[in-house]
Amino acid sequence: MAEAVRVLIADDQALLRGSFRVLVDSTPGMETVGEAGDGAEAVALARQLTPDVVLMDLRMPVMDGIAATREICSDASMAGVRVLALTMFDMDEYVYPALQAGASGFMLKDASPDDLVAGIRVIATGEGVLAPSVTRRVIANFSHRDTAARPAPRLVGLTRREQEVLVLIAKGLSNAEIADHLVISLPTVKTHVSSLLSKLNARDRAQLVIVAYESGIAERGMPPA
């Protein structure tokens, strides 16, 4: 029997924490291992409990969700901990910095219970929650701010096929959808994704999307062969 997905809930509103706990604990294959009321407490508990997924509110006192995410994702002792950022607003200015800090994706707090559970499961597998169009809109918006002060990631070393896969990942396509689009097998897509993660030193698909937008390839697309 597979082990339960262990979830840490970080939100400064006790009512929301309680609601998330009820949802997680009533879902087969999931369990809440702790609750934090601010970012500093979230980091401490993540280090102590090493959960699979942290539901991270972005707007919290003491230490906000971005700083807490950066602390967790940059700590080698918590390499297996994934962060799912939560926000009330689909254009929250904190979302893109949270993804840059290492979050594997984000969801709105008013997402349906089924969508939130699905998001937790996806994050726990090491992938990113990128399907909602709002995610791509936020990334596209914030990735083009202050670009002059930030060197674009280099895509040197990527094969043409890997670049094609990267563009499609940035558009929010799943592995199965990429396979259909490029008329290649699913295992081949997975191999290309693994290669992209390695070559671009990316933590997960969310980070690949950031690279795709910041390098410009997401908007340029692929030139004719």
C-alpha atoms as a PDB file:
ATOM      1  CA  MET A   1       0.000   0.000   0.000  1.00  0.00           C
ATOM      2  CA  ALA A   2       1.380   3.412  -1.005  1.00  0.00           C
ATOM      3  CA  GLU A   3       2.327   5.796   1.773  1.00  0.00           C
ATOM      4  CA  ALA A   4       0.007   8.723   2.410  1.00  0.00           C
ATOM      5  CA  VAL A   5       0.924  12.137   1.027  1.00  0.00           C
ATOM      6  CA  ARG A   6       2.025  14.136   4.062  1.00  0.00           C
ATOM      7  CA  VAL A   7       0.814  17.749   4.015  1.00  0.00           C
ATOM      8  CA  LEU A   8       1.848  20.783   6.055  1.00  0.00           C
ATOM      9  CA  ILE A   9      -0.669  23.650   6.035  1.00  0.00           C
ATOM     10  CA  ALA A  10       0.665  27.215   6.383  1.00  0.00           C
ATOM     11  CA  ASP A  11      -1.923  30.000   6.630  1.00  0.00           C
ATOM     12  CA  ASP A  12      -2.410  32.814   9.123  1.00  0.00           C
ATOM     13  CA  GLN A  13      -6.180  32.268   9.202  1.00  0.00           C
ATOM     14  CA  ALA A  14      -7.122  29.498  11.612  1.00  0.00           C
ATOM     15  CA  LEU A  15     -10.475  28.939   9.918  1.00  0.00           C
ATOM     16  CA  LEU A  16      -8.842  28.271   6.558  1.00  0.00           C
ATOM     17  CA  ARG A  17      -6.220  26.014   8.121  1.00  0.00           C
ATOM     18  CA  GLY A  18      -9.001  24.026   9.720  1.00  0.00           C
ATOM     19  CA  SER A  19     -10.896  23.756   6.436  1.00  0.00           C
ATOM     20  CA  PHE A  20      -7.813  22.581   4.581  1.00  0.00           C
ATOM     21  CA  ARG A  21      -7.068  20.055   7.324  1.00  0.00           C
ATOM     22  CA  VAL A  22     -10.565  18.587   7.111  1.00  0.00           C
ATOM     23  CA  LEU A  23     -10.240  18.289   3.329  1.00  0.00           C
ATOM     24  CA  VAL A  24      -6.793  16.682   3.458  1.00  0.00           C
ATOM     25  CA  ASP A  25      -7.581  14.298   6.312  1.00  0.00           C
ATOM     26  CA  SER A  26     -10.844  13.169   4.708  1.00  0.00           C
ATOM     27  CA  THR A  27      -9.072  12.326   1.441  1.00  0.00           C
ATOM     28  CA  PRO A  28      -7.830   8.729   1.143  1.00  0.00           C
ATOM     29  CA  GLY A  29      -4.057   8.626   0.816  1.00  0.00           C
ATOM     30  CA  MET A  30      -3.445  12.014   2.439  1.00  0.00           C
ATOM     31  CA  GLU A  31      -2.786  13.245   5.953  1.00  0.00           C
ATOM     32  CA  THR A  32      -2.070  16.571   7.630  1.00  0.00           C
ATOM     33  CA  VAL A  33       1.176  16.440   9.604  1.00  0.00           C
ATOM     34  CA  GLY A  34       1.181  20.010  10.927  1.00  0.00           C
ATOM     35  CA  GLU A  35      -0.162  23.558  10.799  1.00  0.00           C
ATOM     36  CA  ALA A  36       1.711  26.863  10.773  1.00  0.00           C
ATOM     37  CA  GLY A  37       0.324  30.356  11.323  1.00  0.00           C
ATOM     38  CA  ASP A  38       3.219  32.277   9.754  1.00  0.00           C
ATOM     39  CA  GLY A  39       6.138  31.737   7.391  1.00  0.00           C
ATOM     40  CA  ALA A  40       8.791  31.295  10.065  1.00  0.00           C
ATOM     41  CA  GLU A  41       6.755  28.579  11.731  1.00  0.00           C
ATOM     42  CA  ALA A  42       6.200  26.943   8.340  1.00  0.00           C
ATOM     43  CA  VAL A  43       9.948  26.748   7.721  1.00  0.00           C
ATOM     44  CA  ALA A  44      10.606  25.335  11.195  1.00  0.00           C
ATOM     45  CA  LEU A  45       7.898  22.702  10.860  1.00  0.00           C
ATOM     46  CA  ALA A  46       8.934  21.790   7.318  1.00  0.00           C
ATOM     47  CA  ARG A  47      12.480  21.222   8.560  1.00  0.00           C
ATOM     48  CA  GLN A  48      11.226  19.152  11.500  1.00  0.00           C
ATOM     49  CA  LEU A  49       8.511  17.135   9.718  1.00  0.00           C
ATOM     50  CA  THR A  50       9.781  17.018   6.092  1.00  0.00           C
ATOM     51  CA  PRO A  51       6.273  16.818   4.593  1.00  0.00           C
ATOM     52  CA  ASP A  52       5.721  15.903   0.966  1.00  0.00           C
ATOM     53  CA  VAL A  53       3.756  19.082   0.259  1.00  0.00           C
ATOM     54  CA  VAL A  54       3.441  22.466   1.975  1.00  0.00           C
ATOM     55  CA  LEU A  55       0.254  24.410   1.283  1.00  0.00           C
ATOM     56  CA  MET A  56       1.772  27.885   1.529  1.00  0.00           C
ATOM     57  CA  ASP A  57      -0.282  31.047   1.951  1.00  0.00           C
ATOM     58  CA  LEU A  58       1.656  33.878   0.316  1.00  0.00           C
ATOM     59  CA  ARG A  59       0.496  36.649   2.642  1.00  0.00           C
ATOM     60  CA  MET A  60       1.468  35.867   6.237  1.00  0.00           C
ATOM     61  CA  PRO A  61       3.003  37.801   9.153  1.00  0.00           C
ATOM     62  CA  VAL A  62       6.526  37.394  10.633  1.00  0.00           C
ATOM     63  CA  MET A  63       7.826  35.850   7.399  1.00  0.00           C
ATOM     64  CA  ASP A  64       5.756  35.931   4.201  1.00  0.00           C
ATOM     65  CA  GLY A  65       5.148  32.927   1.973  1.00  0.00           C
ATOM     66  CA  ILE A  66       7.782  33.922  -0.571  1.00  0.00           C
ATOM     67  CA  ALA A  67      10.588  34.081   1.983  1.00  0.00           C
ATOM     68  CA  ALA A  68       9.378  30.859   3.591  1.00  0.00           C
ATOM     69  CA  THR A  69       9.276  29.126   0.206  1.00  0.00           C
ATOM     70  CA  ARG A  70      12.803  30.297  -0.581  1.00  0.00           C
ATOM     71  CA  GLU A  71      14.064  28.987   2.772  1.00  0.00           C
ATOM     72  CA  ILE A  72      12.464  25.591   2.241  1.00  0.00           C
ATOM     73  CA  CYS A  73      13.415  25.129  -1.403  1.00  0.00           C
ATOM     74  CA  SER A  74      17.031  26.212  -0.936  1.00  0.00           C
ATOM     75  CA  ASP A  75      17.658  23.886   2.031  1.00  0.00           C
ATOM     76  CA  ALA A  76      19.245  20.602   0.931  1.00  0.00           C
ATOM     77  CA  SER A  77      17.815  18.861   3.988  1.00  0.00           C
ATOM     78  CA  MET A  78      14.323  19.544   2.600  1.00  0.00           C
ATOM     79  CA  ALA A  79      15.027  18.589  -1.001  1.00  0.00           C
ATOM     80  CA  GLY A  80      11.945  16.360  -1.131  1.00  0.00           C
ATOM     81  CA  VAL A  81       9.551  19.014   0.183  1.00  0.00           C
ATOM     82  CA  ARG A  82       7.351  20.628  -2.484  1.00  0.00           C
ATOM     83  CA  VAL A  83       5.527  23.931  -2.051  1.00  0.00           C
ATOM     84  CA  LEU A  84       2.064  24.645  -3.436  1.00  0.00           C
ATOM     85  CA  ALA A  85       1.466  28.374  -3.108  1.00  0.00           C
ATOM     86  CA  LEU A  86      -2.046  29.576  -2.283  1.00  0.00           C
ATOM     87  CA  THR A  87      -3.471  33.007  -3.054  1.00  0.00           C
ATOM     88  CA  MET A  88      -6.818  34.780  -2.974  1.00  0.00           C
ATOM     89  CA  PHE A  89      -6.142  36.680  -6.198  1.00  0.00           C
ATOM     90  CA  ASP A  90      -5.459  35.355  -9.699  1.00  0.00           C
ATOM     91  CA  MET A  91      -3.117  38.275 -10.420  1.00  0.00           C
ATOM     92  CA  ASP A  92      -1.425  38.384  -7.018  1.00  0.00           C
ATOM     93  CA  GLU A  93       1.919  40.182  -7.352  1.00  0.00           C
ATOM     94  CA  TYR A  94       3.420  37.593  -5.008  1.00  0.00           C
ATOM     95  CA  VAL A  95       2.774  34.617  -7.272  1.00  0.00           C
ATOM     96  CA  TYR A  96       5.632  34.951  -9.736  1.00  0.00           C
ATOM     97  CA  PRO A  97       8.254  35.661  -7.040  1.00  0.00           C
ATOM     98  CA  ALA A  98       6.963  32.594  -5.191  1.00  0.00           C
ATOM     99  CA  LEU A  99       7.550  30.441  -8.264  1.00  0.00           C
ATOM    100  CA  GLN A 100      11.008  31.969  -8.646  1.00  0.00           C
ATOM    101  CA  ALA A 101      11.656  31.103  -5.000  1.00  0.00           C
ATOM    102  CA  GLY A 102      10.996  27.452  -5.777  1.00  0.00           C
ATOM    103  CA  ALA A 103       7.251  26.851  -5.451  1.00  0.00           C
ATOM    104  CA  SER A 104       6.081  24.029  -7.688  1.00  0.00           C
ATOM    105  CA  GLY A 105       2.905  25.859  -8.630  1.00  0.00           C
ATOM    106  CA  PHE A 106       0.024  27.810  -7.198  1.00  0.00           C
ATOM    107  CA  MET A 107      -3.724  27.612  -6.800  1.00  0.00           C
ATOM    108  CA  LEU A 108      -6.449  30.003  -5.786  1.00  0.00           C
ATOM    109  CA  LYS A 109      -7.830  29.535  -2.292  1.00  0.00           C
ATOM    110  CA  ASP A 110     -11.342  29.338  -3.721  1.00  0.00           C
ATOM    111  CA  ALA A 111     -10.452  26.384  -5.961  1.00  0.00           C
ATOM    112  CA  SER A 112     -12.851  23.472  -5.699  1.00  0.00           C
ATOM    113  CA  PRO A 113     -11.954  20.755  -3.163  1.00  0.00           C
ATOM    114  CA  ASP A 114     -11.405  18.289  -6.015  1.00  0.00           C
ATOM    115  CA  ASP A 115      -9.018  20.675  -7.792  1.00  0.00           C
ATOM    116  CA  LEU A 116      -7.047  21.334  -4.614  1.00  0.00           C
ATOM    117  CA  VAL A 117      -6.720  17.627  -3.863  1.00  0.00           C
ATOM    118  CA  ALA A 118      -5.627  16.997  -7.451  1.00  0.00           C
ATOM    119  CA  GLY A 119      -3.087  19.824  -7.140  1.00  0.00           C
ATOM    120  CA  ILE A 120      -1.611  18.326  -3.989  1.00  0.00           C
ATOM    121  CA  ARG A 121      -1.300  14.937  -5.674  1.00  0.00           C
ATOM    122  CA  VAL A 122       0.422  16.421  -8.724  1.00  0.00           C
ATOM    123  CA  ILE A 123       2.843  18.435  -6.595  1.00  0.00           C
ATOM    124  CA  ALA A 124       3.653  15.336  -4.521  1.00  0.00           C
ATOM    125  CA  THR A 125       4.737  13.464  -7.668  1.00  0.00           C
ATOM    126  CA  GLY A 126       7.390  16.099  -8.337  1.00  0.00           C
ATOM    127  CA  GLU A 127       5.540  17.870 -11.131  1.00  0.00           C
ATOM    128  CA  GLY A 128       3.943  21.299 -11.086  1.00  0.00           C
ATOM    129  CA  VAL A 129       0.413  22.656 -11.058  1.00  0.00           C
ATOM    130  CA  LEU A 130       0.449  24.538 -14.356  1.00  0.00           C
ATOM    131  CA  ALA A 131      -2.725  23.598 -16.164  1.00  0.00           C
ATOM    132  CA  PRO A 132      -4.982  26.546 -15.229  1.00  0.00           C
ATOM    133  CA  SER A 133      -4.697  29.329 -17.775  1.00  0.00           C
ATOM    134  CA  VAL A 134      -4.441  31.805 -14.913  1.00  0.00           C
ATOM    135  CA  THR A 135      -1.073  30.287 -13.979  1.00  0.00           C
ATOM    136  CA  ARG A 136       0.355  30.932 -17.413  1.00  0.00           C
ATOM    137  CA  ARG A 137      -1.108  34.448 -17.413  1.00  0.00           C
ATOM    138  CA  VAL A 138       0.548  35.308 -14.115  1.00  0.00           C
ATOM    139  CA  ILE A 139       3.889  33.867 -15.215  1.00  0.00           C
ATOM    140  CA  ALA A 140       3.747  35.713 -18.530  1.00  0.00           C
ATOM    141  CA  ASN A 141       2.906  38.967 -16.778  1.00  0.00           C
ATOM    142  CA  PHE A 142       5.582  38.918 -14.127  1.00  0.00           C
ATOM    143  CA  SER A 143       8.355  37.277 -16.119  1.00  0.00           C
ATOM    144  CA  HIS A 144       8.575  40.391 -18.289  1.00  0.00           C
ATOM    145  CA  ARG A 145       8.999  42.864 -15.458  1.00  0.00           C
ATOM    146  CA  ASP A 146      12.486  44.270 -14.932  1.00  0.00           C
ATOM    147  CA  THR A 147      13.888  42.020 -17.636  1.00  0.00           C
ATOM    148  CA  ALA A 148      16.694  44.500 -18.316  1.00  0.00           C
ATOM    149  CA  ALA A 149      18.016  43.973 -14.802  1.00  0.00           C
ATOM    150  CA  ARG A 150      17.977  40.214 -15.125  1.00  0.00           C
ATOM    151  CA  PRO A 151      20.002  38.203 -17.698  1.00  0.00           C
ATOM    152  CA  ALA A 152      17.867  35.820 -19.740  1.00  0.00           C
ATOM    153  CA  PRO A 153      18.525  32.128 -19.105  1.00  0.00           C
ATOM    154  CA  ARG A 154      20.663  30.521 -21.787  1.00  0.00           C
ATOM    155  CA  LEU A 155      19.224  27.605 -23.693  1.00  0.00           C
ATOM    156  CA  VAL A 156      22.564  26.545 -25.169  1.00  0.00           C
ATOM    157  CA  GLY A 157      22.882  22.787 -25.295  1.00  0.00           C
ATOM    158  CA  LEU A 158      19.214  22.023 -25.830  1.00  0.00           C
ATOM    159  CA  THR A 159      18.295  20.017 -28.898  1.00  0.00           C
ATOM    160  CA  ARG A 160      15.605  21.348 -31.201  1.00  0.00           C
ATOM    161  CA  ARG A 161      13.201  18.701 -29.924  1.00  0.00           C
ATOM    162  CA  GLU A 162      13.918  19.666 -26.321  1.00  0.00           C
ATOM    163  CA  GLN A 163      13.190  23.288 -27.192  1.00  0.00           C
ATOM    164  CA  GLU A 164       9.899  22.236 -28.787  1.00  0.00           C
ATOM    165  CA  VAL A 165       8.964  20.336 -25.638  1.00  0.00           C
ATOM    166  CA  LEU A 166       9.933  23.336 -23.489  1.00  0.00           C
ATOM    167  CA  VAL A 167       7.654  25.629 -25.496  1.00  0.00           C
ATOM    168  CA  LEU A 168       4.739  23.215 -25.078  1.00  0.00           C
ATOM    169  CA  ILE A 169       5.382  22.853 -21.344  1.00  0.00           C
ATOM    170  CA  ALA A 170       5.233  26.656 -21.105  1.00  0.00           C
ATOM    171  CA  LYS A 171       1.831  26.533 -22.788  1.00  0.00           C
ATOM    172  CA  GLY A 172       0.614  24.253 -20.015  1.00  0.00           C
ATOM    173  CA  LEU A 173       0.416  21.010 -21.992  1.00  0.00           C
ATOM    174  CA  SER A 174       0.673  17.717 -20.130  1.00  0.00           C
ATOM    175  CA  ASN A 175       3.108  15.000 -21.191  1.00  0.00           C
ATOM    176  CA  ALA A 176       0.294  13.131 -22.944  1.00  0.00           C
ATOM    177  CA  GLU A 177      -0.774  16.280 -24.806  1.00  0.00           C
ATOM    178  CA  ILE A 178       2.827  16.981 -25.838  1.00  0.00           C
ATOM    179  CA  ALA A 179       3.142  13.413 -27.143  1.00  0.00           C
ATOM    180  CA  ASP A 180      -0.002  13.858 -29.253  1.00  0.00           C
ATOM    181  CA  HIS A 181       1.090  17.277 -30.519  1.00  0.00           C
ATOM    182  CA  LEU A 182       4.571  16.136 -31.577  1.00  0.00           C
ATOM    183  CA  VAL A 183       3.436  12.640 -32.614  1.00  0.00           C
ATOM    184  CA  ILE A 184       5.962  10.921 -30.369  1.00  0.00           C
ATOM    185  CA  SER A 185       5.603   8.354 -27.591  1.00  0.00           C
ATOM    186  CA  LEU A 186       4.848   9.267 -23.978  1.00  0.00           C
ATOM    187  CA  PRO A 187       8.115   7.671 -22.725  1.00  0.00           C
ATOM    188  CA  THR A 188      10.015   9.824 -25.238  1.00  0.00           C
ATOM    189  CA  VAL A 189       8.347  12.962 -23.883  1.00  0.00           C
ATOM    190  CA  LYS A 190       9.246  11.951 -20.333  1.00  0.00           C
ATOM    191  CA  THR A 191      12.865  11.470 -21.423  1.00  0.00           C
ATOM    192  CA  HIS A 192      12.930  14.961 -22.954  1.00  0.00           C
ATOM    193  CA  VAL A 193      11.399  16.492 -19.819  1.00  0.00           C
ATOM    194  CA  SER A 194      13.982  14.762 -17.617  1.00  0.00           C
ATOM    195  CA  SER A 195      16.738  16.050 -19.880  1.00  0.00           C
ATOM    196  CA  LEU A 196      15.354  19.607 -19.705  1.00  0.00           C
ATOM    197  CA  LEU A 197      15.209  19.471 -15.907  1.00  0.00           C
ATOM    198  CA  SER A 198      18.836  18.338 -15.809  1.00  0.00           C
ATOM    199  CA  LYS A 199      20.240  20.714 -18.441  1.00  0.00           C
ATOM    200  CA  LEU A 200      18.404  23.761 -17.107  1.00  0.00           C
ATOM    201  CA  ASN A 201      18.967  22.856 -13.452  1.00  0.00           C
ATOM    202  CA  ALA A 202      15.228  23.163 -12.867  1.00  0.00           C
ATOM    203  CA  ARG A 203      13.465  21.742  -9.841  1.00  0.00           C
ATOM    204  CA  ASP A 204      10.249  20.838 -11.674  1.00  0.00           C
ATOM    205  CA  ARG A 205       7.926  21.821 -14.517  1.00  0.00           C
ATOM    206  CA  ALA A 206       7.024  25.113 -12.859  1.00  0.00           C
ATOM    207  CA  GLN A 207      10.660  26.138 -13.021  1.00  0.00           C
ATOM    208  CA  LEU A 208      10.830  25.059 -16.675  1.00  0.00           C
ATOM    209  CA  VAL A 209       7.950  27.422 -17.435  1.00  0.00           C
ATOM    210  CA  ILE A 210       9.819  30.290 -15.776  1.00  0.00           C
ATOM    211  CA  VAL A 211      12.923  29.556 -17.873  1.00  0.00           C
ATOM    212  CA  ALA A 212      10.811  29.372 -21.028  1.00  0.00           C
ATOM    213  CA  TYR A 213       9.273  32.798 -20.406  1.00  0.00           C
ATOM    214  CA  GLU A 214      12.413  34.519 -19.170  1.00  0.00           C
ATOM    215  CA  SER A 215      14.444  33.246 -22.133  1.00  0.00           C
ATOM    216  CA  GLY A 216      11.759  34.468 -24.512  1.00  0.00           C
ATOM    217  CA  ILE A 217      11.245  31.110 -26.207  1.00  0.00           C
ATOM    218  CA  ALA A 218       7.739  30.753 -24.782  1.00  0.00           C
ATOM    219  CA  GLU A 219       6.541  33.764 -26.755  1.00  0.00           C
ATOM    220  CA  ARG A 220       8.856  33.446 -29.761  1.00  0.00           C
ATOM    221  CA  GLY A 221       8.005  29.807 -30.272  1.00  0.00           C
ATOM    222  CA  MET A 222      10.091  27.663 -32.593  1.00  0.00           C
ATOM    223  CA  PRO A 223      11.371  29.044 -35.905  1.00  0.00           C
ATOM    224  CA  PRO A 224      10.667  27.008 -39.068  1.00  0.00           C
ATOM    225  CA  ALA A 225      12.964  24.004 -39.468  1.00  0.00           C
END
